Structure formats: structure tokens, C-alpha cells
PDB file of all heavy atoms in Angstrom:
ATOM      1  N   GLY A   1      -4.705  65.075  39.359  1.00  0.00           N
ATOM      2  CA  GLY A   1      -6.128  64.790  39.505  1.00  0.00           C
ATOM      3  C   GLY A   1      -6.966  65.097  38.291  1.00  0.00           C
ATOM      4  O   GLY A   1      -8.187  65.290  38.417  1.00  0.00           O
ATOM      5  N   TYR A   2      -6.358  65.143  37.105  1.00  0.00           N
ATOM      6  CA  TYR A   2      -7.117  65.530  35.915  1.00  0.00           C
ATOM      7  C   TYR A   2      -7.984  64.370  35.434  1.00  0.00           C
ATOM      8  O   TYR A   2      -7.476  63.283  35.163  1.00  0.00           O
ATOM      9  CB  TYR A   2      -6.189  65.983  34.791  1.00  0.00           C
ATOM     10  CG  TYR A   2      -6.849  66.975  33.862  1.00  0.00           C
ATOM     11  CD1 TYR A   2      -6.727  68.339  34.089  1.00  0.00           C
ATOM     12  CD2 TYR A   2      -7.626  66.551  32.781  1.00  0.00           C
ATOM     13  CE1 TYR A   2      -7.334  69.264  33.255  1.00  0.00           C
ATOM     14  CE2 TYR A   2      -8.237  67.463  31.938  1.00  0.00           C
ATOM     15  CZ  TYR A   2      -8.091  68.815  32.189  1.00  0.00           C
ATOM     16  OH  TYR A   2      -8.718  69.728  31.368  1.00  0.00           O
ATOM     17  N   PRO A   3      -9.301  64.582  35.331  1.00  0.00           N
ATOM     18  CA  PRO A   3     -10.200  63.504  34.901  1.00  0.00           C
ATOM     19  C   PRO A   3      -9.875  63.004  33.493  1.00  0.00           C
ATOM     20  O   PRO A   3      -9.422  63.766  32.632  1.00  0.00           O
ATOM     21  CB  PRO A   3     -11.590  64.167  34.935  1.00  0.00           C
ATOM     22  CG  PRO A   3     -11.449  65.294  35.903  1.00  0.00           C
ATOM     23  CD  PRO A   3     -10.049  65.788  35.704  1.00  0.00           C
ATOM     24  N   MET A   4     -10.106  61.730  33.278  1.00  0.00           N
ATOM     25  CA  MET A   4      -9.990  61.080  31.966  1.00  0.00           C
ATOM     26  C   MET A   4      -8.544  60.960  31.487  1.00  0.00           C
ATOM     27  O   MET A   4      -8.305  60.649  30.326  1.00  0.00           O
ATOM     28  CB  MET A   4     -10.820  61.813  30.903  1.00  0.00           C
ATOM     29  CG  MET A   4     -12.200  62.238  31.352  1.00  0.00           C
ATOM     30  SD  MET A   4     -13.165  60.860  31.993  1.00  0.00           S
ATOM     31  CE  MET A   4     -13.395  59.875  30.529  1.00  0.00           C
ATOM     32  N   LEU A   5      -7.580  61.174  32.372  1.00  0.00           N
ATOM     33  CA  LEU A   5      -6.178  61.170  31.958  1.00  0.00           C
ATOM     34  C   LEU A   5      -5.524  59.848  32.358  1.00  0.00           C
ATOM     35  O   LEU A   5      -4.640  59.794  33.218  1.00  0.00           O
ATOM     36  CB  LEU A   5      -5.445  62.353  32.584  1.00  0.00           C
ATOM     37  CG  LEU A   5      -4.131  62.774  31.917  1.00  0.00           C
ATOM     38  CD1 LEU A   5      -4.347  63.121  30.461  1.00  0.00           C
ATOM     39  CD2 LEU A   5      -3.538  63.961  32.663  1.00  0.00           C
ATOM     40  N   ILE A   6      -5.995  58.760  31.755  1.00  0.00           N
ATOM     41  CA  ILE A   6      -5.480  57.438  32.059  1.00  0.00           C
ATOM     42  C   ILE A   6      -5.366  56.642  30.756  1.00  0.00           C
ATOM     43  O   ILE A   6      -6.304  56.671  29.951  1.00  0.00           O
ATOM     44  CB  ILE A   6      -6.379  56.715  33.095  1.00  0.00           C
ATOM     45  CG1 ILE A   6      -5.736  55.425  33.624  1.00  0.00           C
ATOM     46  CG2 ILE A   6      -7.749  56.443  32.537  1.00  0.00           C
ATOM     47  CD1 ILE A   6      -4.654  55.629  34.583  1.00  0.00           C
ATOM     48  N   PRO A   7      -4.265  55.986  30.469  1.00  0.00           N
ATOM     49  CA  PRO A   7      -3.051  55.992  31.284  1.00  0.00           C
ATOM     50  C   PRO A   7      -2.289  57.311  31.141  1.00  0.00           C
ATOM     51  O   PRO A   7      -2.410  58.000  30.139  1.00  0.00           O
ATOM     52  CB  PRO A   7      -2.243  54.834  30.683  1.00  0.00           C
ATOM     53  CG  PRO A   7      -2.679  54.774  29.252  1.00  0.00           C
ATOM     54  CD  PRO A   7      -4.134  55.141  29.263  1.00  0.00           C
ATOM     55  N   THR A   8      -1.517  57.631  32.170  1.00  0.00           N
ATOM     56  CA  THR A   8      -0.664  58.807  32.098  1.00  0.00           C
ATOM     57  C   THR A   8       0.482  58.532  31.129  1.00  0.00           C
ATOM     58  O   THR A   8       0.750  57.388  30.763  1.00  0.00           O
ATOM     59  CB  THR A   8      -0.104  59.159  33.478  1.00  0.00           C
ATOM     60  OG1 THR A   8       0.527  57.991  34.039  1.00  0.00           O
ATOM     61  CG2 THR A   8      -1.222  59.612  34.405  1.00  0.00           C
ATOM     62  N   TYR A   9       1.161  59.584  30.716  1.00  0.00           N
ATOM     63  CA  TYR A   9       2.210  59.413  29.710  1.00  0.00           C
ATOM     64  C   TYR A   9       3.348  60.402  29.976  1.00  0.00           C
ATOM     65  O   TYR A   9       3.226  61.318  30.800  1.00  0.00           O
ATOM     66  CB  TYR A   9       1.639  59.598  28.304  1.00  0.00           C
ATOM     67  CG  TYR A   9       0.914  60.917  28.088  1.00  0.00           C
ATOM     68  CD1 TYR A   9       1.594  62.071  27.708  1.00  0.00           C
ATOM     69  CD2 TYR A   9      -0.468  61.003  28.274  1.00  0.00           C
ATOM     70  CE1 TYR A   9       0.933  63.269  27.514  1.00  0.00           C
ATOM     71  CE2 TYR A   9      -1.148  62.197  28.078  1.00  0.00           C
ATOM     72  CZ  TYR A   9      -0.442  63.322  27.692  1.00  0.00           C
ATOM     73  OH  TYR A   9      -1.114  64.514  27.505  1.00  0.00           O
ATOM     74  N   GLU A  10       4.438  60.207  29.251  1.00  0.00           N
ATOM     75  CA  GLU A  10       5.638  61.006  29.477  1.00  0.00           C
ATOM     76  C   GLU A  10       5.392  62.477  29.163  1.00  0.00           C
ATOM     77  O   GLU A  10       4.770  62.829  28.166  1.00  0.00           O
ATOM     78  CB  GLU A  10       6.783  60.487  28.610  1.00  0.00           C
ATOM     79  CG  GLU A  10       8.083  61.223  28.837  1.00  0.00           C
ATOM     80  CD  GLU A  10       9.235  60.629  28.057  1.00  0.00           C
ATOM     81  OE1 GLU A  10       9.041  59.579  27.420  1.00  0.00           O
ATOM     82  OE2 GLU A  10      10.342  61.220  28.082  1.00  0.00           O
ATOM     83  N   ILE A  11       5.894  63.308  30.047  1.00  0.00           N
ATOM     84  CA  ILE A  11       5.765  64.747  29.897  1.00  0.00           C
ATOM     85  C   ILE A  11       6.963  65.382  30.583  1.00  0.00           C
ATOM     86  O   ILE A  11       7.640  64.734  31.413  1.00  0.00           O
ATOM     87  CB  ILE A  11       4.424  65.234  30.515  1.00  0.00           C
ATOM     88  CG1 ILE A  11       4.056  66.626  30.007  1.00  0.00           C
ATOM     89  CG2 ILE A  11       4.477  65.196  32.028  1.00  0.00           C
ATOM     90  CD1 ILE A  11       2.650  67.052  30.387  1.00  0.00           C
ATOM     91  N   ASN A  12       7.258  66.625  30.293  1.00  0.00           N
ATOM     92  CA  ASN A  12       8.359  67.313  30.953  1.00  0.00           C
ATOM     93  C   ASN A  12       7.890  67.787  32.327  1.00  0.00           C
ATOM     94  O   ASN A  12       7.509  68.933  32.525  1.00  0.00           O
ATOM     95  CB  ASN A  12       8.824  68.514  30.121  1.00  0.00           C
ATOM     96  CG  ASN A  12      10.027  69.206  30.753  1.00  0.00           C
ATOM     97  OD1 ASN A  12      10.835  68.577  31.422  1.00  0.00           O
ATOM     98  ND2 ASN A  12      10.134  70.507  30.552  1.00  0.00           N
ATOM     99  N   GLY A  13       7.892  66.865  33.278  1.00  0.00           N
ATOM    100  CA  GLY A  13       7.381  67.135  34.617  1.00  0.00           C
ATOM    101  C   GLY A  13       6.762  65.878  35.176  1.00  0.00           C
ATOM    102  O   GLY A  13       7.374  64.807  35.142  1.00  0.00           O
ATOM    103  N   TRP A  14       5.529  65.993  35.675  1.00  0.00           N
ATOM    104  CA  TRP A  14       4.845  64.825  36.228  1.00  0.00           C
ATOM    105  C   TRP A  14       3.346  64.921  35.991  1.00  0.00           C
ATOM    106  O   TRP A  14       2.805  65.994  35.727  1.00  0.00           O
ATOM    107  CB  TRP A  14       5.151  64.658  37.716  1.00  0.00           C
ATOM    108  CG  TRP A  14       5.096  65.913  38.543  1.00  0.00           C
ATOM    109  CD1 TRP A  14       6.152  66.700  38.883  1.00  0.00           C
ATOM    110  CD2 TRP A  14       3.925  66.526  39.141  1.00  0.00           C
ATOM    111  NE1 TRP A  14       5.723  67.776  39.652  1.00  0.00           N
ATOM    112  CE2 TRP A  14       4.358  67.680  39.824  1.00  0.00           C
ATOM    113  CE3 TRP A  14       2.575  66.200  39.159  1.00  0.00           C
ATOM    114  CZ2 TRP A  14       3.489  68.519  40.516  1.00  0.00           C
ATOM    115  CZ3 TRP A  14       1.696  67.025  39.848  1.00  0.00           C
ATOM    116  CH2 TRP A  14       2.153  68.164  40.517  1.00  0.00           C
ATOM    117  N   MET A  15       2.701  63.773  36.078  1.00  0.00           N
ATOM    118  CA  MET A  15       1.281  63.684  35.768  1.00  0.00           C
ATOM    119  C   MET A  15       0.637  62.639  36.676  1.00  0.00           C
ATOM    120  O   MET A  15       1.135  61.517  36.801  1.00  0.00           O
ATOM    121  CB  MET A  15       1.110  63.293  34.293  1.00  0.00           C
ATOM    122  CG  MET A  15      -0.320  63.154  33.817  1.00  0.00           C
ATOM    123  SD  MET A  15      -0.387  62.617  32.072  1.00  0.00           S
ATOM    124  CE  MET A  15       0.350  64.033  31.239  1.00  0.00           C
ATOM    125  N   VAL A  16      -0.470  63.038  37.320  1.00  0.00           N
ATOM    126  CA  VAL A  16      -1.227  62.124  38.172  1.00  0.00           C
ATOM    127  C   VAL A  16      -2.681  62.145  37.719  1.00  0.00           C
ATOM    128  O   VAL A  16      -3.293  63.207  37.630  1.00  0.00           O
ATOM    129  CB  VAL A  16      -1.141  62.530  39.663  1.00  0.00           C
ATOM    130  CG1 VAL A  16      -1.944  61.562  40.531  1.00  0.00           C
ATOM    131  CG2 VAL A  16       0.316  62.569  40.121  1.00  0.00           C
ATOM    132  N   ALA A  17      -3.217  60.976  37.411  1.00  0.00           N
ATOM    133  CA  ALA A  17      -4.570  60.882  36.878  1.00  0.00           C
ATOM    134  C   ALA A  17      -5.623  61.195  37.938  1.00  0.00           C
ATOM    135  O   ALA A  17      -5.349  61.189  39.142  1.00  0.00           O
ATOM    136  CB  ALA A  17      -4.813  59.490  36.305  1.00  0.00           C
ATOM    137  N   GLY A  18      -6.847  61.449  37.474  1.00  0.00           N
ATOM    138  CA  GLY A  18      -7.953  61.757  38.369  1.00  0.00           C
ATOM    139  C   GLY A  18      -9.147  60.865  38.104  1.00  0.00           C
ATOM    140  O   GLY A  18      -9.005  59.678  37.796  1.00  0.00           O
ATOM    141  N   LEU A  19     -10.342  61.437  38.207  1.00  0.00           N
ATOM    142  CA  LEU A  19     -11.576  60.688  38.050  1.00  0.00           C
ATOM    143  C   LEU A  19     -11.599  59.928  36.727  1.00  0.00           C
ATOM    144  O   LEU A  19     -11.244  60.457  35.686  1.00  0.00           O
ATOM    145  CB  LEU A  19     -12.771  61.646  38.103  1.00  0.00           C
ATOM    146  CG  LEU A  19     -14.158  61.014  38.146  1.00  0.00           C
ATOM    147  CD1 LEU A  19     -14.357  60.229  39.412  1.00  0.00           C
ATOM    148  CD2 LEU A  19     -15.237  62.090  38.013  1.00  0.00           C
ATOM    149  N   GLY A  20     -12.025  58.669  36.802  1.00  0.00           N
ATOM    150  CA  GLY A  20     -12.049  57.820  35.621  1.00  0.00           C
ATOM    151  C   GLY A  20     -10.833  56.915  35.530  1.00  0.00           C
ATOM    152  O   GLY A  20     -10.770  56.025  34.682  1.00  0.00           O
ATOM    153  N   ALA A  21      -9.853  57.135  36.429  1.00  0.00           N
ATOM    154  CA  ALA A  21      -8.626  56.356  36.401  1.00  0.00           C
ATOM    155  C   ALA A  21      -8.793  55.039  37.152  1.00  0.00           C
ATOM    156  O   ALA A  21      -9.745  54.840  37.906  1.00  0.00           O
ATOM    157  CB  ALA A  21      -7.473  57.156  36.991  1.00  0.00           C
ATOM    158  N   SER A  22      -7.849  54.160  36.943  1.00  0.00           N
ATOM    159  CA  SER A  22      -7.823  52.861  37.604  1.00  0.00           C
ATOM    160  C   SER A  22      -6.385  52.509  37.914  1.00  0.00           C
ATOM    161  O   SER A  22      -5.477  52.819  37.133  1.00  0.00           O
ATOM    162  CB  SER A  22      -8.441  51.789  36.699  1.00  0.00           C
ATOM    163  OG  SER A  22      -8.115  50.487  37.165  1.00  0.00           O
ATOM    164  N   LYS A  23      -6.168  51.854  39.038  1.00  0.00           N
ATOM    165  CA  LYS A  23      -4.819  51.440  39.382  1.00  0.00           C
ATOM    166  C   LYS A  23      -4.367  50.218  38.579  1.00  0.00           C
ATOM    167  O   LYS A  23      -3.242  49.761  38.737  1.00  0.00           O
ATOM    168  CB  LYS A  23      -4.713  51.169  40.881  1.00  0.00           C
ATOM    169  CG  LYS A  23      -4.709  52.450  41.709  1.00  0.00           C
ATOM    170  CD  LYS A  23      -4.245  52.232  43.115  1.00  0.00           C
ATOM    171  CE  LYS A  23      -4.033  53.567  43.826  1.00  0.00           C
ATOM    172  NZ  LYS A  23      -3.559  53.385  45.213  1.00  0.00           N
ATOM    173  N   LEU A  24      -5.243  49.720  37.738  1.00  0.00           N
ATOM    174  CA  LEU A  24      -4.872  48.627  36.844  1.00  0.00           C
ATOM    175  C   LEU A  24      -4.069  49.135  35.657  1.00  0.00           C
ATOM    176  O   LEU A  24      -3.487  48.348  34.919  1.00  0.00           O
ATOM    177  CB  LEU A  24      -6.127  47.897  36.351  1.00  0.00           C
ATOM    178  CG  LEU A  24      -6.974  47.218  37.426  1.00  0.00           C
ATOM    179  CD1 LEU A  24      -8.212  46.593  36.815  1.00  0.00           C
ATOM    180  CD2 LEU A  24      -6.150  46.160  38.167  1.00  0.00           C
ATOM    181  N   GLN A  25      -4.068  50.455  35.481  1.00  0.00           N
ATOM    182  CA  GLN A  25      -3.285  51.066  34.422  1.00  0.00           C
ATOM    183  C   GLN A  25      -2.328  52.093  35.016  1.00  0.00           C
ATOM    184  O   GLN A  25      -2.434  52.449  36.193  1.00  0.00           O
ATOM    185  CB  GLN A  25      -4.192  51.727  33.388  1.00  0.00           C
ATOM    186  CG  GLN A  25      -5.011  50.732  32.573  1.00  0.00           C
ATOM    187  CD  GLN A  25      -5.722  51.403  31.420  1.00  0.00           C
ATOM    188  OE1 GLN A  25      -6.724  52.066  31.605  1.00  0.00           O
ATOM    189  NE2 GLN A  25      -5.197  51.219  30.219  1.00  0.00           N
ATOM    190  N   LYS A  26      -1.404  52.575  34.213  1.00  0.00           N
ATOM    191  CA  LYS A  26      -0.411  53.543  34.706  1.00  0.00           C
ATOM    192  C   LYS A  26      -1.112  54.850  35.056  1.00  0.00           C
ATOM    193  O   LYS A  26      -1.581  55.564  34.183  1.00  0.00           O
ATOM    194  CB  LYS A  26       0.652  53.769  33.643  1.00  0.00           C
ATOM    195  CG  LYS A  26       1.816  54.644  34.120  1.00  0.00           C
ATOM    196  CD  LYS A  26       2.985  54.607  33.143  1.00  0.00           C
ATOM    197  CE  LYS A  26       2.600  55.193  31.801  1.00  0.00           C
ATOM    198  NZ  LYS A  26       3.742  55.251  30.864  1.00  0.00           N
ATOM    199  N   TRP A  27      -1.183  55.162  36.340  1.00  0.00           N
ATOM    200  CA  TRP A  27      -1.941  56.324  36.787  1.00  0.00           C
ATOM    201  C   TRP A  27      -1.065  57.497  37.208  1.00  0.00           C
ATOM    202  O   TRP A  27      -1.578  58.565  37.555  1.00  0.00           O
ATOM    203  CB  TRP A  27      -2.887  55.947  37.930  1.00  0.00           C
ATOM    204  CG  TRP A  27      -2.256  55.266  39.113  1.00  0.00           C
ATOM    205  CD1 TRP A  27      -2.058  53.925  39.273  1.00  0.00           C
ATOM    206  CD2 TRP A  27      -1.751  55.892  40.301  1.00  0.00           C
ATOM    207  NE1 TRP A  27      -1.458  53.674  40.493  1.00  0.00           N
ATOM    208  CE2 TRP A  27      -1.270  54.860  41.140  1.00  0.00           C
ATOM    209  CE3 TRP A  27      -1.670  57.216  40.736  1.00  0.00           C
ATOM    210  CZ2 TRP A  27      -0.701  55.114  42.389  1.00  0.00           C
ATOM    211  CZ3 TRP A  27      -1.116  57.488  41.981  1.00  0.00           C
ATOM    212  CH2 TRP A  27      -0.643  56.439  42.787  1.00  0.00           C
ATOM    213  N   ALA A  28       0.257  57.313  37.168  1.00  0.00           N
ATOM    214  CA  ALA A  28       1.168  58.425  37.471  1.00  0.00           C
ATOM    215  C   ALA A  28       2.411  58.292  36.604  1.00  0.00           C
ATOM    216  O   ALA A  28       2.854  57.193  36.269  1.00  0.00           O
ATOM    217  CB  ALA A  28       1.557  58.438  38.945  1.00  0.00           C
ATOM    218  N   TRP A  29       2.934  59.442  36.207  1.00  0.00           N
ATOM    219  CA  TRP A  29       4.207  59.483  35.476  1.00  0.00           C
ATOM    220  C   TRP A  29       5.086  60.582  36.045  1.00  0.00           C
ATOM    221  O   TRP A  29       4.582  61.676  36.321  1.00  0.00           O
ATOM    222  CB  TRP A  29       3.977  59.758  33.976  1.00  0.00           C
ATOM    223  CG  TRP A  29       5.207  59.458  33.178  1.00  0.00           C
ATOM    224  CD1 TRP A  29       5.532  58.275  32.573  1.00  0.00           C
ATOM    225  CD2 TRP A  29       6.322  60.320  32.957  1.00  0.00           C
ATOM    226  NE1 TRP A  29       6.762  58.353  31.983  1.00  0.00           N
ATOM    227  CE2 TRP A  29       7.285  59.605  32.205  1.00  0.00           C
ATOM    228  CE3 TRP A  29       6.616  61.639  33.326  1.00  0.00           C
ATOM    229  CZ2 TRP A  29       8.494  60.153  31.823  1.00  0.00           C
ATOM    230  CZ3 TRP A  29       7.826  62.192  32.940  1.00  0.00           C
ATOM    231  CH2 TRP A  29       8.759  61.453  32.195  1.00  0.00           C
ATOM    232  N   PRO A  30       6.365  60.285  36.294  1.00  0.00           N
ATOM    233  CA  PRO A  30       7.048  59.001  36.128  1.00  0.00           C
ATOM    234  C   PRO A  30       6.427  57.906  36.998  1.00  0.00           C
ATOM    235  O   PRO A  30       5.864  58.198  38.054  1.00  0.00           O
ATOM    236  CB  PRO A  30       8.483  59.309  36.560  1.00  0.00           C
ATOM    237  CG  PRO A  30       8.623  60.792  36.453  1.00  0.00           C
ATOM    238  CD  PRO A  30       7.274  61.340  36.772  1.00  0.00           C
ATOM    239  N   VAL A  31       6.557  56.671  36.573  1.00  0.00           N
ATOM    240  CA  VAL A  31       5.827  55.570  37.199  1.00  0.00           C
ATOM    241  C   VAL A  31       6.210  55.385  38.660  1.00  0.00           C
ATOM    242  O   VAL A  31       5.403  54.900  39.467  1.00  0.00           O
ATOM    243  CB  VAL A  31       6.043  54.265  36.388  1.00  0.00           C
ATOM    244  CG1 VAL A  31       7.485  53.787  36.511  1.00  0.00           C
ATOM    245  CG2 VAL A  31       5.051  53.203  36.819  1.00  0.00           C
ATOM    246  N   GLU A  32       7.432  55.778  39.047  1.00  0.00           N
ATOM    247  CA  GLU A  32       7.843  55.620  40.440  1.00  0.00           C
ATOM    248  C   GLU A  32       7.016  56.480  41.397  1.00  0.00           C
ATOM    249  O   GLU A  32       6.996  56.245  42.612  1.00  0.00           O
ATOM    250  CB  GLU A  32       9.330  55.923  40.623  1.00  0.00           C
ATOM    251  CG  GLU A  32       9.770  57.287  40.147  1.00  0.00           C
ATOM    252  CD  GLU A  32      10.318  57.256  38.729  1.00  0.00           C
ATOM    253  OE1 GLU A  32       9.924  56.365  37.955  1.00  0.00           O
ATOM    254  OE2 GLU A  32      11.152  58.135  38.408  1.00  0.00           O
ATOM    255  N   LEU A  33       6.322  57.485  40.862  1.00  0.00           N
ATOM    256  CA  LEU A  33       5.456  58.300  41.714  1.00  0.00           C
ATOM    257  C   LEU A  33       4.309  57.484  42.293  1.00  0.00           C
ATOM    258  O   LEU A  33       3.767  57.836  43.344  1.00  0.00           O
ATOM    259  CB  LEU A  33       4.887  59.482  40.910  1.00  0.00           C
ATOM    260  CG  LEU A  33       5.844  60.622  40.563  1.00  0.00           C
ATOM    261  CD1 LEU A  33       5.094  61.711  39.808  1.00  0.00           C
ATOM    262  CD2 LEU A  33       6.485  61.188  41.824  1.00  0.00           C
ATOM    263  N   GLN A  34       3.939  56.408  41.626  1.00  0.00           N
ATOM    264  CA  GLN A  34       2.829  55.598  42.123  1.00  0.00           C
ATOM    265  C   GLN A  34       3.144  55.037  43.506  1.00  0.00           C
ATOM    266  O   GLN A  34       2.314  55.123  44.421  1.00  0.00           O
ATOM    267  CB  GLN A  34       2.512  54.470  41.127  1.00  0.00           C
ATOM    268  CG  GLN A  34       2.018  54.985  39.793  1.00  0.00           C
ATOM    269  CD  GLN A  34       1.641  53.879  38.820  1.00  0.00           C
ATOM    270  OE1 GLN A  34       1.037  54.131  37.779  1.00  0.00           O
ATOM    271  NE2 GLN A  34       2.000  52.651  39.132  1.00  0.00           N
ATOM    272  N   ASP A  35       4.329  54.477  43.676  1.00  0.00           N
ATOM    273  CA  ASP A  35       4.719  53.947  44.980  1.00  0.00           C
ATOM    274  C   ASP A  35       4.861  55.068  46.006  1.00  0.00           C
ATOM    275  O   ASP A  35       4.474  54.910  47.171  1.00  0.00           O
ATOM    276  CB  ASP A  35       6.036  53.178  44.871  1.00  0.00           C
ATOM    277  CG  ASP A  35       5.878  51.856  44.136  1.00  0.00           C
ATOM    278  OD1 ASP A  35       4.750  51.313  44.129  1.00  0.00           O
ATOM    279  OD2 ASP A  35       6.874  51.364  43.564  1.00  0.00           O
ATOM    280  N   GLN A  36       5.400  56.196  45.580  1.00  0.00           N
ATOM    281  CA  GLN A  36       5.590  57.312  46.507  1.00  0.00           C
ATOM    282  C   GLN A  36       4.247  57.837  47.024  1.00  0.00           C
ATOM    283  O   GLN A  36       4.064  58.043  48.227  1.00  0.00           O
ATOM    284  CB  GLN A  36       6.360  58.435  45.813  1.00  0.00           C
ATOM    285  CG  GLN A  36       7.783  58.079  45.443  1.00  0.00           C
ATOM    286  CD  GLN A  36       8.485  59.196  44.693  1.00  0.00           C
ATOM    287  OE1 GLN A  36       8.265  60.382  44.940  1.00  0.00           O
ATOM    288  NE2 GLN A  36       9.359  58.826  43.757  1.00  0.00           N
ATOM    289  N   LEU A  37       3.302  58.064  46.110  1.00  0.00           N
ATOM    290  CA  LEU A  37       2.010  58.629  46.509  1.00  0.00           C
ATOM    291  C   LEU A  37       1.179  57.651  47.325  1.00  0.00           C
ATOM    292  O   LEU A  37       0.356  58.074  48.137  1.00  0.00           O
ATOM    293  CB  LEU A  37       1.237  59.067  45.262  1.00  0.00           C
ATOM    294  CG  LEU A  37       1.842  60.251  44.501  1.00  0.00           C
ATOM    295  CD1 LEU A  37       1.025  60.559  43.254  1.00  0.00           C
ATOM    296  CD2 LEU A  37       1.923  61.485  45.390  1.00  0.00           C
ATOM    297  N   ASP A  38       1.384  56.369  47.128  1.00  0.00           N
ATOM    298  CA  ASP A  38       0.659  55.381  47.923  1.00  0.00           C
ATOM    299  C   ASP A  38       1.118  55.357  49.377  1.00  0.00           C
ATOM    300  O   ASP A  38       0.454  54.751  50.231  1.00  0.00           O
ATOM    301  CB  ASP A  38       0.818  53.981  47.314  1.00  0.00           C
ATOM    302  CG  ASP A  38      -0.277  53.650  46.319  1.00  0.00           C
ATOM    303  OD1 ASP A  38      -1.363  54.258  46.405  1.00  0.00           O
ATOM    304  OD2 ASP A  38      -0.066  52.771  45.464  1.00  0.00           O
ATOM    305  N   LYS A  39       2.242  56.026  49.656  1.00  0.00           N
ATOM    306  CA  LYS A  39       2.787  56.017  51.016  1.00  0.00           C
ATOM    307  C   LYS A  39       2.653  57.366  51.726  1.00  0.00           C
ATOM    308  O   LYS A  39       2.799  57.426  52.952  1.00  0.00           O
ATOM    309  CB  LYS A  39       4.272  55.624  50.966  1.00  0.00           C
ATOM    310  CG  LYS A  39       4.520  54.228  50.430  1.00  0.00           C
ATOM    311  CD  LYS A  39       6.005  53.951  50.272  1.00  0.00           C
ATOM    312  CE  LYS A  39       6.249  52.564  49.678  1.00  0.00           C
ATOM    313  NZ  LYS A  39       7.692  52.303  49.453  1.00  0.00           N
ATOM    314  N   ILE A  40       2.394  58.427  50.991  1.00  0.00           N
ATOM    315  CA  ILE A  40       2.382  59.765  51.584  1.00  0.00           C
ATOM    316  C   ILE A  40       1.211  59.950  52.538  1.00  0.00           C
ATOM    317  O   ILE A  40       1.359  60.319  53.710  1.00  0.00           O
ATOM    318  CB  ILE A  40       2.345  60.853  50.496  1.00  0.00           C
ATOM    319  CG1 ILE A  40       3.592  60.764  49.611  1.00  0.00           C
ATOM    320  CG2 ILE A  40       2.242  62.238  51.129  1.00  0.00           C
ATOM    321  CD1 ILE A  40       4.884  60.902  50.366  1.00  0.00           C
ATOM    322  N   ALA A  41      -0.001  59.700  52.050  1.00  0.00           N
ATOM    323  CA  ALA A  41      -1.201  59.912  52.869  1.00  0.00           C
ATOM    324  C   ALA A  41      -2.106  58.677  52.819  1.00  0.00           C
ATOM    325  O   ALA A  41      -3.318  58.785  52.815  1.00  0.00           O
ATOM    326  CB  ALA A  41      -1.964  61.133  52.367  1.00  0.00           C
ATOM    327  N   GLY A  42      -1.488  57.516  52.769  1.00  0.00           N
ATOM    328  CA  GLY A  42      -2.258  56.288  52.609  1.00  0.00           C
ATOM    329  C   GLY A  42      -2.418  55.986  51.135  1.00  0.00           C
ATOM    330  O   GLY A  42      -2.031  56.784  50.278  1.00  0.00           O
ATOM    331  N   PRO A  43      -2.975  54.827  50.798  1.00  0.00           N
ATOM    332  CA  PRO A  43      -3.141  54.455  49.391  1.00  0.00           C
ATOM    333  C   PRO A  43      -3.851  55.554  48.605  1.00  0.00           C
ATOM    334  O   PRO A  43      -4.902  56.049  49.019  1.00  0.00           O
ATOM    335  CB  PRO A  43      -3.993  53.176  49.467  1.00  0.00           C
ATOM    336  CG  PRO A  43      -3.667  52.608  50.807  1.00  0.00           C
ATOM    337  CD  PRO A  43      -3.476  53.785  51.713  1.00  0.00           C
ATOM    338  N   PHE A  44      -3.271  55.930  47.477  1.00  0.00           N
ATOM    339  CA  PHE A  44      -3.833  57.015  46.680  1.00  0.00           C
ATOM    340  C   PHE A  44      -5.196  56.607  46.140  1.00  0.00           C
ATOM    341  O   PHE A  44      -5.405  55.482  45.702  1.00  0.00           O
ATOM    342  CB  PHE A  44      -2.905  57.368  45.523  1.00  0.00           C
ATOM    343  CG  PHE A  44      -3.293  58.618  44.791  1.00  0.00           C
ATOM    344  CD1 PHE A  44      -2.881  59.853  45.254  1.00  0.00           C
ATOM    345  CD2 PHE A  44      -4.082  58.563  43.654  1.00  0.00           C
ATOM    346  CE1 PHE A  44      -3.232  61.021  44.588  1.00  0.00           C
ATOM    347  CE2 PHE A  44      -4.447  59.716  42.980  1.00  0.00           C
ATOM    348  CZ  PHE A  44      -4.031  60.949  43.454  1.00  0.00           C
ATOM    349  N   SER A  45      -6.136  57.557  46.158  1.00  0.00           N
ATOM    350  CA  SER A  45      -7.496  57.288  45.687  1.00  0.00           C
ATOM    351  C   SER A  45      -7.902  58.350  44.673  1.00  0.00           C
ATOM    352  O   SER A  45      -7.506  59.511  44.787  1.00  0.00           O
ATOM    353  CB  SER A  45      -8.470  57.284  46.862  1.00  0.00           C
ATOM    354  OG  SER A  45      -9.792  57.107  46.419  1.00  0.00           O
ATOM    355  N   PHE A  46      -8.714  57.938  43.682  1.00  0.00           N
ATOM    356  CA  PHE A  46      -9.150  58.863  42.652  1.00  0.00           C
ATOM    357  C   PHE A  46     -10.514  59.476  42.937  1.00  0.00           C
ATOM    358  O   PHE A  46     -10.899  60.475  42.330  1.00  0.00           O
ATOM    359  CB  PHE A  46      -9.216  58.141  41.294  1.00  0.00           C
ATOM    360  CG  PHE A  46      -7.956  57.441  40.937  1.00  0.00           C
ATOM    361  CD1 PHE A  46      -7.883  56.057  40.976  1.00  0.00           C
ATOM    362  CD2 PHE A  46      -6.819  58.153  40.578  1.00  0.00           C
ATOM    363  CE1 PHE A  46      -6.715  55.396  40.648  1.00  0.00           C
ATOM    364  CE2 PHE A  46      -5.645  57.505  40.253  1.00  0.00           C
ATOM    365  CZ  PHE A  46      -5.586  56.111  40.292  1.00  0.00           C
TER     366      PHE A  46
END
């Protein structure tokens, strides 16, 4: 949920963007987390 962190990028772990993000760009890394988070508690929202 870190603001202004879009697009996310490779790191030793994981990264999920926050305020200022858009789903038109890579908002989670690794990228497969995007599909996972969209299913956990409904579509992910910033």
C-alpha cells in the first residue's frame, strides 16, 4: 500500500502499490500477485 509506488519493480520479496497507482500498470510484484489479490477479498482497490 505504499503511495506513489507504481509501477512496482523486482525486489527480494514482494511489493504492492498504494495511493496513486493504477491497474493499467504493474501494481504488484511478482506480477502473479495481481491475480491472487484480486481474488482474496474481491477486486483489489487502492
